[in-house]
Amino acid sequence: MSDILESTMNGQLDLSGKLIIKAQLGEDIRRIPIHNEDITYDELVLMMQRVFRGKLLSNDEVIIKYKDEDGDLITIFDSSDLSFAIQCSRILKLTLFVTE
């Protein structure tokens, strides 16, 4: 039995050192555990294309925003913005917008 499943069954889920991304595209919300916090912006975009396969195409122009501590949506434009967002929260709540 995996450690995560076992710890969940014991009522304790150890998320130390793990980043959780909650990504929303329209009404669809996905939860993704990330083990490598040194993820780049380009890697994040590729991950979102895989997670939302069929809804997000590789040629779609996508804007990624995260929700900060005040509940505001802040645009992630590059890898430094992404690094800052990761430093702010262990659960990174992303909203994706596809521009026409």
PDB file of N, CA and C in Angstrom:
ATOM      1  N   MET A   1       0.855  -1.187   0.000  1.00  0.00           N
ATOM      2  CA  MET A   1       0.000   0.000   0.000  1.00  0.00           C
ATOM      3  C   MET A   1       0.894   1.242   0.000  1.00  0.00           C
ATOM      4  N   SER A   2       0.526   2.225  -0.781  1.00  0.00           N
ATOM      5  CA  SER A   2       1.362   3.417  -0.866  1.00  0.00           C
ATOM      6  C   SER A   2       1.300   4.214   0.439  1.00  0.00           C
ATOM      7  N   ASP A   3       2.370   4.956   0.697  1.00  0.00           N
ATOM      8  CA  ASP A   3       2.440   5.764   1.916  1.00  0.00           C
ATOM      9  C   ASP A   3       1.331   6.805   1.952  1.00  0.00           C
ATOM     10  N   ILE A   4       1.039   7.407   0.787  1.00  0.00           N
ATOM     11  CA  ILE A   4       0.000   8.446   0.748  1.00  0.00           C
ATOM     12  C   ILE A   4      -1.356   7.845   1.086  1.00  0.00           C
ATOM     13  N   LEU A   5      -1.672   6.707   0.478  1.00  0.00           N
ATOM     14  CA  LEU A   5      -2.951   6.056   0.750  1.00  0.00           C
ATOM     15  C   LEU A   5      -3.029   5.642   2.216  1.00  0.00           C
ATOM     16  N   GLU A   6      -1.940   5.079   2.720  1.00  0.00           N
ATOM     17  CA  GLU A   6      -1.919   4.641   4.115  1.00  0.00           C
ATOM     18  C   GLU A   6      -2.084   5.818   5.068  1.00  0.00           C
ATOM     19  N   SER A   7      -1.372   6.921   4.805  1.00  0.00           N
ATOM     20  CA  SER A   7      -1.488   8.078   5.694  1.00  0.00           C
ATOM     21  C   SER A   7      -2.864   8.722   5.581  1.00  0.00           C
ATOM     22  N   THR A   8      -3.491   8.641   4.396  1.00  0.00           N
ATOM     23  CA  THR A   8      -4.837   9.170   4.236  1.00  0.00           C
ATOM     24  C   THR A   8      -5.817   8.332   5.048  1.00  0.00           C
ATOM     25  N   MET A   9      -5.632   7.023   5.025  1.00  0.00           N
ATOM     26  CA  MET A   9      -6.527   6.135   5.769  1.00  0.00           C
ATOM     27  C   MET A   9      -6.377   6.349   7.276  1.00  0.00           C
ATOM     28  N   ASN A  10      -5.207   6.774   7.706  1.00  0.00           N
ATOM     29  CA  ASN A  10      -4.982   7.065   9.114  1.00  0.00           C
ATOM     30  C   ASN A  10      -5.473   8.454   9.495  1.00  0.00           C
ATOM     31  N   GLY A  11      -6.024   9.164   8.537  1.00  0.00           N
ATOM     32  CA  GLY A  11      -6.574  10.482   8.821  1.00  0.00           C
ATOM     33  C   GLY A  11      -5.570  11.604   8.731  1.00  0.00           C
ATOM     34  N   GLN A  12      -4.336  11.285   8.353  1.00  0.00           N
ATOM     35  CA  GLN A  12      -3.313  12.311   8.245  1.00  0.00           C
ATOM     36  C   GLN A  12      -2.685  12.208   6.865  1.00  0.00           C
ATOM     37  N   LEU A  13      -2.673  13.296   6.158  1.00  0.00           N
ATOM     38  CA  LEU A  13      -2.048  13.316   4.852  1.00  0.00           C
ATOM     39  C   LEU A  13      -0.836  14.229   4.941  1.00  0.00           C
ATOM     40  N   ASP A  14       0.334  13.663   4.738  1.00  0.00           N
ATOM     41  CA  ASP A  14       1.569  14.435   4.847  1.00  0.00           C
ATOM     42  C   ASP A  14       1.862  15.111   3.516  1.00  0.00           C
ATOM     43  N   LEU A  15       1.656  16.408   3.453  1.00  0.00           N
ATOM     44  CA  LEU A  15       1.911  17.158   2.236  1.00  0.00           C
ATOM     45  C   LEU A  15       3.167  18.013   2.363  1.00  0.00           C
ATOM     46  N   SER A  16       3.970  17.751   3.374  1.00  0.00           N
ATOM     47  CA  SER A  16       5.162  18.567   3.566  1.00  0.00           C
ATOM     48  C   SER A  16       6.085  18.402   2.369  1.00  0.00           C
ATOM     49  N   GLY A  17       6.562  19.504   1.872  1.00  0.00           N
ATOM     50  CA  GLY A  17       7.462  19.467   0.741  1.00  0.00           C
ATOM     51  C   GLY A  17       6.769  19.204  -0.572  1.00  0.00           C
ATOM     52  N   LYS A  18       5.457  19.224  -0.586  1.00  0.00           N
ATOM     53  CA  LYS A  18       4.742  18.963  -1.831  1.00  0.00           C
ATOM     54  C   LYS A  18       3.854  20.158  -2.151  1.00  0.00           C
ATOM     55  N   LEU A  19       3.845  20.510  -3.414  1.00  0.00           N
ATOM     56  CA  LEU A  19       3.007  21.602  -3.891  1.00  0.00           C
ATOM     57  C   LEU A  19       1.771  20.996  -4.532  1.00  0.00           C
ATOM     58  N   ILE A  20       0.624  21.562  -4.245  1.00  0.00           N
ATOM     59  CA  ILE A  20      -0.624  21.142  -4.874  1.00  0.00           C
ATOM     60  C   ILE A  20      -1.078  22.267  -5.793  1.00  0.00           C
ATOM     61  N   ILE A  21      -1.363  21.913  -7.036  1.00  0.00           N
ATOM     62  CA  ILE A  21      -1.924  22.889  -7.964  1.00  0.00           C
ATOM     63  C   ILE A  21      -3.389  22.545  -8.175  1.00  0.00           C
ATOM     64  N   LYS A  22      -4.253  23.520  -7.920  1.00  0.00           N
ATOM     65  CA  LYS A  22      -5.670  23.387  -8.260  1.00  0.00           C
ATOM     66  C   LYS A  22      -5.894  24.291  -9.455  1.00  0.00           C
ATOM     67  N   ALA A  23      -6.173  23.674 -10.601  1.00  0.00           N
ATOM     68  CA  ALA A  23      -6.307  24.432 -11.841  1.00  0.00           C
ATOM     69  C   ALA A  23      -7.751  24.389 -12.314  1.00  0.00           C
ATOM     70  N   GLN A  24      -8.243  25.542 -12.730  1.00  0.00           N
ATOM     71  CA  GLN A  24      -9.621  25.646 -13.204  1.00  0.00           C
ATOM     72  C   GLN A  24      -9.645  26.203 -14.614  1.00  0.00           C
ATOM     73  N   LEU A  25     -10.380  25.489 -15.483  1.00  0.00           N
ATOM     74  CA  LEU A  25     -10.642  25.956 -16.842  1.00  0.00           C
ATOM     75  C   LEU A  25     -12.141  25.865 -17.031  1.00  0.00           C
ATOM     76  N   GLY A  26     -12.803  27.015 -17.050  1.00  0.00           N
ATOM     77  CA  GLY A  26     -14.263  27.021 -17.093  1.00  0.00           C
ATOM     78  C   GLY A  26     -14.813  26.414 -15.811  1.00  0.00           C
ATOM     79  N   GLU A  27     -15.686  25.424 -15.952  1.00  0.00           N
ATOM     80  CA  GLU A  27     -16.280  24.759 -14.779  1.00  0.00           C
ATOM     81  C   GLU A  27     -15.460  23.567 -14.309  1.00  0.00           C
ATOM     82  N   ASP A  28     -14.431  23.197 -15.071  1.00  0.00           N
ATOM     83  CA  ASP A  28     -13.623  22.012 -14.777  1.00  0.00           C
ATOM     84  C   ASP A  28     -12.466  22.383 -13.857  1.00  0.00           C
ATOM     85  N   ILE A  29     -12.366  21.711 -12.706  1.00  0.00           N
ATOM     86  CA  ILE A  29     -11.289  21.964 -11.749  1.00  0.00           C
ATOM     87  C   ILE A  29     -10.508  20.673 -11.564  1.00  0.00           C
ATOM     88  N   ARG A  30      -9.180  20.771 -11.636  1.00  0.00           N
ATOM     89  CA  ARG A  30      -8.309  19.610 -11.449  1.00  0.00           C
ATOM     90  C   ARG A  30      -7.334  19.890 -10.315  1.00  0.00           C
ATOM     91  N   ARG A  31      -6.963  18.828  -9.594  1.00  0.00           N
ATOM     92  CA  ARG A  31      -6.010  18.927  -8.490  1.00  0.00           C
ATOM     93  C   ARG A  31      -4.793  18.085  -8.857  1.00  0.00           C
ATOM     94  N   ILE A  32      -3.610  18.709  -8.867  1.00  0.00           N
ATOM     95  CA  ILE A  32      -2.401  18.041  -9.318  1.00  0.00           C
ATOM     96  C   ILE A  32      -1.302  18.191  -8.270  1.00  0.00           C
ATOM     97  N   PRO A  33      -0.780  17.072  -7.740  1.00  0.00           N
ATOM     98  CA  PRO A  33       0.373  17.167  -6.834  1.00  0.00           C
ATOM     99  C   PRO A  33       1.654  17.364  -7.648  1.00  0.00           C
ATOM    100  N   ILE A  34       2.492  18.275  -7.214  1.00  0.00           N
ATOM    101  CA  ILE A  34       3.745  18.582  -7.908  1.00  0.00           C
ATOM    102  C   ILE A  34       4.901  18.226  -6.974  1.00  0.00           C
ATOM    103  N   HIS A  35       5.831  17.439  -7.485  1.00  0.00           N
ATOM    104  CA  HIS A  35       6.976  17.049  -6.668  1.00  0.00           C
ATOM    105  C   HIS A  35       8.194  17.927  -6.943  1.00  0.00           C
ATOM    106  N   ASN A  36       8.218  18.567  -8.119  1.00  0.00           N
ATOM    107  CA  ASN A  36       9.332  19.435  -8.472  1.00  0.00           C
ATOM    108  C   ASN A  36       8.857  20.883  -8.447  1.00  0.00           C
ATOM    109  N   GLU A  37       9.231  21.593  -7.396  1.00  0.00           N
ATOM    110  CA  GLU A  37       8.779  22.983  -7.255  1.00  0.00           C
ATOM    111  C   GLU A  37       9.548  23.946  -8.146  1.00  0.00           C
ATOM    112  N   ASP A  38      10.586  23.456  -8.834  1.00  0.00           N
ATOM    113  CA  ASP A  38      11.358  24.304  -9.738  1.00  0.00           C
ATOM    114  C   ASP A  38      10.764  24.304 -11.137  1.00  0.00           C
ATOM    115  N   ILE A  39       9.457  24.110 -11.204  1.00  0.00           N
ATOM    116  CA  ILE A  39       8.747  24.058 -12.480  1.00  0.00           C
ATOM    117  C   ILE A  39       8.830  25.417 -13.171  1.00  0.00           C
ATOM    118  N   THR A  40       9.036  25.390 -14.480  1.00  0.00           N
ATOM    119  CA  THR A  40       9.103  26.640 -15.240  1.00  0.00           C
ATOM    120  C   THR A  40       7.714  26.980 -15.776  1.00  0.00           C
ATOM    121  N   TYR A  41       7.588  28.182 -16.260  1.00  0.00           N
ATOM    122  CA  TYR A  41       6.308  28.615 -16.828  1.00  0.00           C
ATOM    123  C   TYR A  41       5.936  27.738 -18.030  1.00  0.00           C
ATOM    124  N   ASP A  42       6.920  27.476 -18.906  1.00  0.00           N
ATOM    125  CA  ASP A  42       6.645  26.653 -20.091  1.00  0.00           C
ATOM    126  C   ASP A  42       6.217  25.240 -19.704  1.00  0.00           C
ATOM    127  N   GLU A  43       6.848  24.683 -18.672  1.00  0.00           N
ATOM    128  CA  GLU A  43       6.459  23.352 -18.188  1.00  0.00           C
ATOM    129  C   GLU A  43       5.036  23.373 -17.629  1.00  0.00           C
ATOM    130  N   LEU A  44       4.690  24.461 -16.940  1.00  0.00           N
ATOM    131  CA  LEU A  44       3.331  24.600 -16.404  1.00  0.00           C
ATOM    132  C   LEU A  44       2.299  24.633 -17.536  1.00  0.00           C
ATOM    133  N   VAL A  45       2.594  25.390 -18.586  1.00  0.00           N
ATOM    134  CA  VAL A  45       1.670  25.476 -19.720  1.00  0.00           C
ATOM    135  C   VAL A  45       1.500  24.094 -20.366  1.00  0.00           C
ATOM    136  N   LEU A  46       2.599  23.379 -20.563  1.00  0.00           N
ATOM    137  CA  LEU A  46       2.516  22.026 -21.137  1.00  0.00           C
ATOM    138  C   LEU A  46       1.704  21.098 -20.238  1.00  0.00           C
ATOM    139  N   MET A  47       1.915  21.215 -18.929  1.00  0.00           N
ATOM    140  CA  MET A  47       1.158  20.393 -17.974  1.00  0.00           C
ATOM    141  C   MET A  47      -0.338  20.693 -18.073  1.00  0.00           C
ATOM    142  N   MET A  48      -0.687  21.967 -18.180  1.00  0.00           N
ATOM    143  CA  MET A  48      -2.099  22.344 -18.282  1.00  0.00           C
ATOM    144  C   MET A  48      -2.717  21.809 -19.581  1.00  0.00           C
ATOM    145  N   GLN A  49      -1.930  21.795 -20.664  1.00  0.00           N
ATOM    146  CA  GLN A  49      -2.430  21.247 -21.928  1.00  0.00           C
ATOM    147  C   GLN A  49      -2.708  19.754 -21.797  1.00  0.00           C
ATOM    148  N   ARG A  50      -1.867  19.047 -21.033  1.00  0.00           N
ATOM    149  CA  ARG A  50      -2.096  17.615 -20.820  1.00  0.00           C
ATOM    150  C   ARG A  50      -3.270  17.381 -19.889  1.00  0.00           C
ATOM    151  N   VAL A  51      -3.342  18.161 -18.810  1.00  0.00           N
ATOM    152  CA  VAL A  51      -4.411  17.990 -17.812  1.00  0.00           C
ATOM    153  C   VAL A  51      -5.776  18.281 -18.430  1.00  0.00           C
ATOM    154  N   PHE A  52      -5.843  19.327 -19.244  1.00  0.00           N
ATOM    155  CA  PHE A  52      -7.114  19.717 -19.872  1.00  0.00           C
ATOM    156  C   PHE A  52      -7.124  19.299 -21.353  1.00  0.00           C
ATOM    157  N   ARG A  53      -6.619  18.114 -21.622  1.00  0.00           N
ATOM    158  CA  ARG A  53      -6.550  17.573 -22.979  1.00  0.00           C
ATOM    159  C   ARG A  53      -7.936  17.614 -23.638  1.00  0.00           C
ATOM    160  N   GLY A  54      -7.987  18.159 -24.835  1.00  0.00           N
ATOM    161  CA  GLY A  54      -9.251  18.265 -25.547  1.00  0.00           C
ATOM    162  C   GLY A  54      -9.956  19.593 -25.318  1.00  0.00           C
ATOM    163  N   LYS A  55      -9.659  20.238 -24.195  1.00  0.00           N
ATOM    164  CA  LYS A  55     -10.262  21.544 -23.896  1.00  0.00           C
ATOM    165  C   LYS A  55      -9.268  22.677 -24.115  1.00  0.00           C
ATOM    166  N   LEU A  56      -7.984  22.339 -24.038  1.00  0.00           N
ATOM    167  CA  LEU A  56      -6.920  23.332 -24.176  1.00  0.00           C
ATOM    168  C   LEU A  56      -5.955  22.807 -25.234  1.00  0.00           C
ATOM    169  N   LEU A  57      -5.889  23.489 -26.357  1.00  0.00           N
ATOM    170  CA  LEU A  57      -5.057  23.039 -27.462  1.00  0.00           C
ATOM    171  C   LEU A  57      -3.688  23.709 -27.419  1.00  0.00           C
ATOM    172  N   SER A  58      -2.709  23.078 -28.050  1.00  0.00           N
ATOM    173  CA  SER A  58      -1.338  23.596 -27.998  1.00  0.00           C
ATOM    174  C   SER A  58      -1.207  24.961 -28.671  1.00  0.00           C
ATOM    175  N   ASN A  59      -2.100  25.277 -29.613  1.00  0.00           N
ATOM    176  CA  ASN A  59      -2.019  26.589 -30.271  1.00  0.00           C
ATOM    177  C   ASN A  59      -2.929  27.632 -29.619  1.00  0.00           C
ATOM    178  N   ASP A  60      -3.633  27.255 -28.546  1.00  0.00           N
ATOM    179  CA  ASP A  60      -4.461  28.222 -27.817  1.00  0.00           C
ATOM    180  C   ASP A  60      -3.574  29.218 -27.078  1.00  0.00           C
ATOM    181  N   GLU A  61      -3.980  30.459 -27.090  1.00  0.00           N
ATOM    182  CA  GLU A  61      -3.303  31.488 -26.302  1.00  0.00           C
ATOM    183  C   GLU A  61      -3.935  31.443 -24.912  1.00  0.00           C
ATOM    184  N   VAL A  62      -3.142  31.094 -23.900  1.00  0.00           N
ATOM    185  CA  VAL A  62      -3.692  30.913 -22.559  1.00  0.00           C
ATOM    186  C   VAL A  62      -3.092  31.926 -21.590  1.00  0.00           C
ATOM    187  N   ILE A  63      -3.941  32.442 -20.727  1.00  0.00           N
ATOM    188  CA  ILE A  63      -3.491  33.327 -19.641  1.00  0.00           C
ATOM    189  C   ILE A  63      -3.726  32.560 -18.346  1.00  0.00           C
ATOM    190  N   ILE A  64      -2.678  32.475 -17.532  1.00  0.00           N
ATOM    191  CA  ILE A  64      -2.767  31.756 -16.262  1.00  0.00           C
ATOM    192  C   ILE A  64      -2.701  32.774 -15.129  1.00  0.00           C
ATOM    193  N   LYS A  65      -3.666  32.678 -14.224  1.00  0.00           N
ATOM    194  CA  LYS A  65      -3.696  33.574 -13.071  1.00  0.00           C
ATOM    195  C   LYS A  65      -3.792  32.729 -11.803  1.00  0.00           C
ATOM    196  N   TYR A  66      -3.218  33.245 -10.706  1.00  0.00           N
ATOM    197  CA  TYR A  66      -3.356  32.574  -9.419  1.00  0.00           C
ATOM    198  C   TYR A  66      -4.087  33.482  -8.446  1.00  0.00           C
ATOM    199  N   LYS A  67      -4.725  32.848  -7.477  1.00  0.00           N
ATOM    200  CA  LYS A  67      -5.455  33.606  -6.474  1.00  0.00           C
ATOM    201  C   LYS A  67      -4.513  33.878  -5.308  1.00  0.00           C
ATOM    202  N   ASP A  68      -4.314  35.159  -4.975  1.00  0.00           N
ATOM    203  CA  ASP A  68      -3.415  35.512  -3.870  1.00  0.00           C
ATOM    204  C   ASP A  68      -4.153  35.507  -2.542  1.00  0.00           C
ATOM    205  N   GLU A  69      -3.432  35.896  -1.490  1.00  0.00           N
ATOM    206  CA  GLU A  69      -3.996  35.849  -0.132  1.00  0.00           C
ATOM    207  C   GLU A  69      -5.197  36.770   0.052  1.00  0.00           C
ATOM    208  N   ASP A  70      -5.343  37.772  -0.829  1.00  0.00           N
ATOM    209  CA  ASP A  70      -6.494  38.680  -0.756  1.00  0.00           C
ATOM    210  C   ASP A  70      -7.650  38.214  -1.638  1.00  0.00           C
ATOM    211  N   GLY A  71      -7.450  37.105  -2.350  1.00  0.00           N
ATOM    212  CA  GLY A  71      -8.489  36.601  -3.237  1.00  0.00           C
ATOM    213  C   GLY A  71      -8.455  37.227  -4.620  1.00  0.00           C
ATOM    214  N   ASP A  72      -7.412  38.025  -4.890  1.00  0.00           N
ATOM    215  CA  ASP A  72      -7.280  38.654  -6.205  1.00  0.00           C
ATOM    216  C   ASP A  72      -6.641  37.680  -7.193  1.00  0.00           C
ATOM    217  N   LEU A  73      -7.016  37.788  -8.462  1.00  0.00           N
ATOM    218  CA  LEU A  73      -6.406  36.972  -9.509  1.00  0.00           C
ATOM    219  C   LEU A  73      -5.200  37.719 -10.073  1.00  0.00           C
ATOM    220  N   ILE A  74      -4.015  37.121  -9.907  1.00  0.00           N
ATOM    221  CA  ILE A  74      -2.757  37.730 -10.334  1.00  0.00           C
ATOM    222  C   ILE A  74      -2.226  36.961 -11.537  1.00  0.00           C
ATOM    223  N   THR A  75      -1.886  37.668 -12.614  1.00  0.00           N
ATOM    224  CA  THR A  75      -1.400  37.030 -13.834  1.00  0.00           C
ATOM    225  C   THR A  75       0.004  36.463 -13.635  1.00  0.00           C
ATOM    226  N   ILE A  76       0.198  35.230 -14.103  1.00  0.00           N
ATOM    227  CA  ILE A  76       1.527  34.619 -14.156  1.00  0.00           C
ATOM    228  C   ILE A  76       2.000  34.766 -15.587  1.00  0.00           C
ATOM    229  N   PHE A  77       3.038  35.573 -15.777  1.00  0.00           N
ATOM    230  CA  PHE A  77       3.516  35.897 -17.115  1.00  0.00           C
ATOM    231  C   PHE A  77       4.762  35.101 -17.497  1.00  0.00           C
ATOM    232  N   ASP A  78       5.562  34.739 -16.481  1.00  0.00           N
ATOM    233  CA  ASP A  78       6.813  34.028 -16.762  1.00  0.00           C
ATOM    234  C   ASP A  78       7.209  33.180 -15.554  1.00  0.00           C
ATOM    235  N   SER A  79       8.370  32.559 -15.627  1.00  0.00           N
ATOM    236  CA  SER A  79       8.819  31.643 -14.571  1.00  0.00           C
ATOM    237  C   SER A  79       9.069  32.352 -13.244  1.00  0.00           C
ATOM    238  N   SER A  80       9.495  33.616 -13.281  1.00  0.00           N
ATOM    239  CA  SER A  80       9.713  34.327 -12.014  1.00  0.00           C
ATOM    240  C   SER A  80       8.387  34.621 -11.318  1.00  0.00           C
ATOM    241  N   ASP A  81       7.346  34.947 -12.092  1.00  0.00           N
ATOM    242  CA  ASP A  81       6.007  35.119 -11.500  1.00  0.00           C
ATOM    243  C   ASP A  81       5.538  33.810 -10.873  1.00  0.00           C
ATOM    244  N   LEU A  82       5.796  32.703 -11.567  1.00  0.00           N
ATOM    245  CA  LEU A  82       5.390  31.392 -11.069  1.00  0.00           C
ATOM    246  C   LEU A  82       6.129  31.054  -9.780  1.00  0.00           C
ATOM    247  N   SER A  83       7.424  31.320  -9.728  1.00  0.00           N
ATOM    248  CA  SER A  83       8.209  31.065  -8.513  1.00  0.00           C
ATOM    249  C   SER A  83       7.662  31.858  -7.330  1.00  0.00           C
ATOM    250  N   PHE A  84       7.332  33.107  -7.574  1.00  0.00           N
ATOM    251  CA  PHE A  84       6.779  33.947  -6.510  1.00  0.00           C
ATOM    252  C   PHE A  84       5.445  33.387  -6.028  1.00  0.00           C
ATOM    253  N   ALA A  85       4.595  32.966  -6.956  1.00  0.00           N
ATOM    254  CA  ALA A  85       3.287  32.404  -6.594  1.00  0.00           C
ATOM    255  C   ALA A  85       3.458  31.145  -5.750  1.00  0.00           C
ATOM    256  N   ILE A  86       4.427  30.304  -6.101  1.00  0.00           N
ATOM    257  CA  ILE A  86       4.678  29.066  -5.354  1.00  0.00           C
ATOM    258  C   ILE A  86       5.156  29.378  -3.940  1.00  0.00           C
ATOM    259  N   GLN A  87       5.963  30.425  -3.785  1.00  0.00           N
ATOM    260  CA  GLN A  87       6.448  30.826  -2.457  1.00  0.00           C
ATOM    261  C   GLN A  87       5.308  31.286  -1.563  1.00  0.00           C
ATOM    262  N   CYS A  88       4.258  31.808  -2.168  1.00  0.00           N
ATOM    263  CA  CYS A  88       3.148  32.374  -1.400  1.00  0.00           C
ATOM    264  C   CYS A  88       2.223  31.307  -0.823  1.00  0.00           C
ATOM    265  N   SER A  89       2.135  30.146  -1.442  1.00  0.00           N
ATOM    266  CA  SER A  89       1.141  29.181  -0.999  1.00  0.00           C
ATOM    267  C   SER A  89       1.547  27.762  -1.353  1.00  0.00           C
ATOM    268  N   ARG A  90       1.238  26.799  -0.474  1.00  0.00           N
ATOM    269  CA  ARG A  90       1.477  25.380  -0.750  1.00  0.00           C
ATOM    270  C   ARG A  90       0.394  24.826  -1.669  1.00  0.00           C
ATOM    271  N   ILE A  91      -0.762  25.481  -1.692  1.00  0.00           N
ATOM    272  CA  ILE A  91      -1.816  25.113  -2.628  1.00  0.00           C
ATOM    273  C   ILE A  91      -1.980  26.279  -3.582  1.00  0.00           C
ATOM    274  N   LEU A  92      -1.547  26.084  -4.810  1.00  0.00           N
ATOM    275  CA  LEU A  92      -1.578  27.137  -5.810  1.00  0.00           C
ATOM    276  C   LEU A  92      -2.879  27.011  -6.602  1.00  0.00           C
ATOM    277  N   LYS A  93      -3.761  27.990  -6.445  1.00  0.00           N
ATOM    278  CA  LYS A  93      -5.058  27.970  -7.116  1.00  0.00           C
ATOM    279  C   LYS A  93      -4.954  28.762  -8.414  1.00  0.00           C
ATOM    280  N   LEU A  94      -4.988  28.038  -9.536  1.00  0.00           N
ATOM    281  CA  LEU A  94      -4.838  28.656 -10.839  1.00  0.00           C
ATOM    282  C   LEU A  94      -6.174  28.726 -11.573  1.00  0.00           C
ATOM    283  N   THR A  95      -6.360  29.788 -12.313  1.00  0.00           N
ATOM    284  CA  THR A  95      -7.494  29.910 -13.212  1.00  0.00           C
ATOM    285  C   THR A  95      -6.927  30.153 -14.600  1.00  0.00           C
ATOM    286  N   LEU A  96      -7.390  29.383 -15.580  1.00  0.00           N
ATOM    287  CA  LEU A  96      -6.902  29.524 -16.945  1.00  0.00           C
ATOM    288  C   LEU A  96      -7.942  30.213 -17.797  1.00  0.00           C
ATOM    289  N   PHE A  97      -7.486  31.137 -18.608  1.00  0.00           N
ATOM    290  CA  PHE A  97      -8.333  31.847 -19.543  1.00  0.00           C
ATOM    291  C   PHE A  97      -7.780  31.643 -20.940  1.00  0.00           C
ATOM    292  N   VAL A  98      -8.605  31.233 -21.879  1.00  0.00           N
ATOM    293  CA  VAL A  98      -8.184  31.073 -23.271  1.00  0.00           C
ATOM    294  C   VAL A  98      -8.641  32.299 -24.033  1.00  0.00           C
ATOM    295  N   THR A  99      -7.681  32.977 -24.683  1.00  0.00           N
ATOM    296  CA  THR A  99      -8.023  34.177 -25.447  1.00  0.00           C
ATOM    297  C   THR A  99      -8.222  33.787 -26.904  1.00  0.00           C
ATOM    298  N   GLU A 100      -9.093  34.489 -27.552  1.00  0.00           N
ATOM    299  CA  GLU A 100      -9.428  34.195 -28.961  1.00  0.00           C
ATOM    300  C   GLU A 100      -8.430  34.831 -29.881  1.00  0.00           C
TER     301      GLU A 100
END
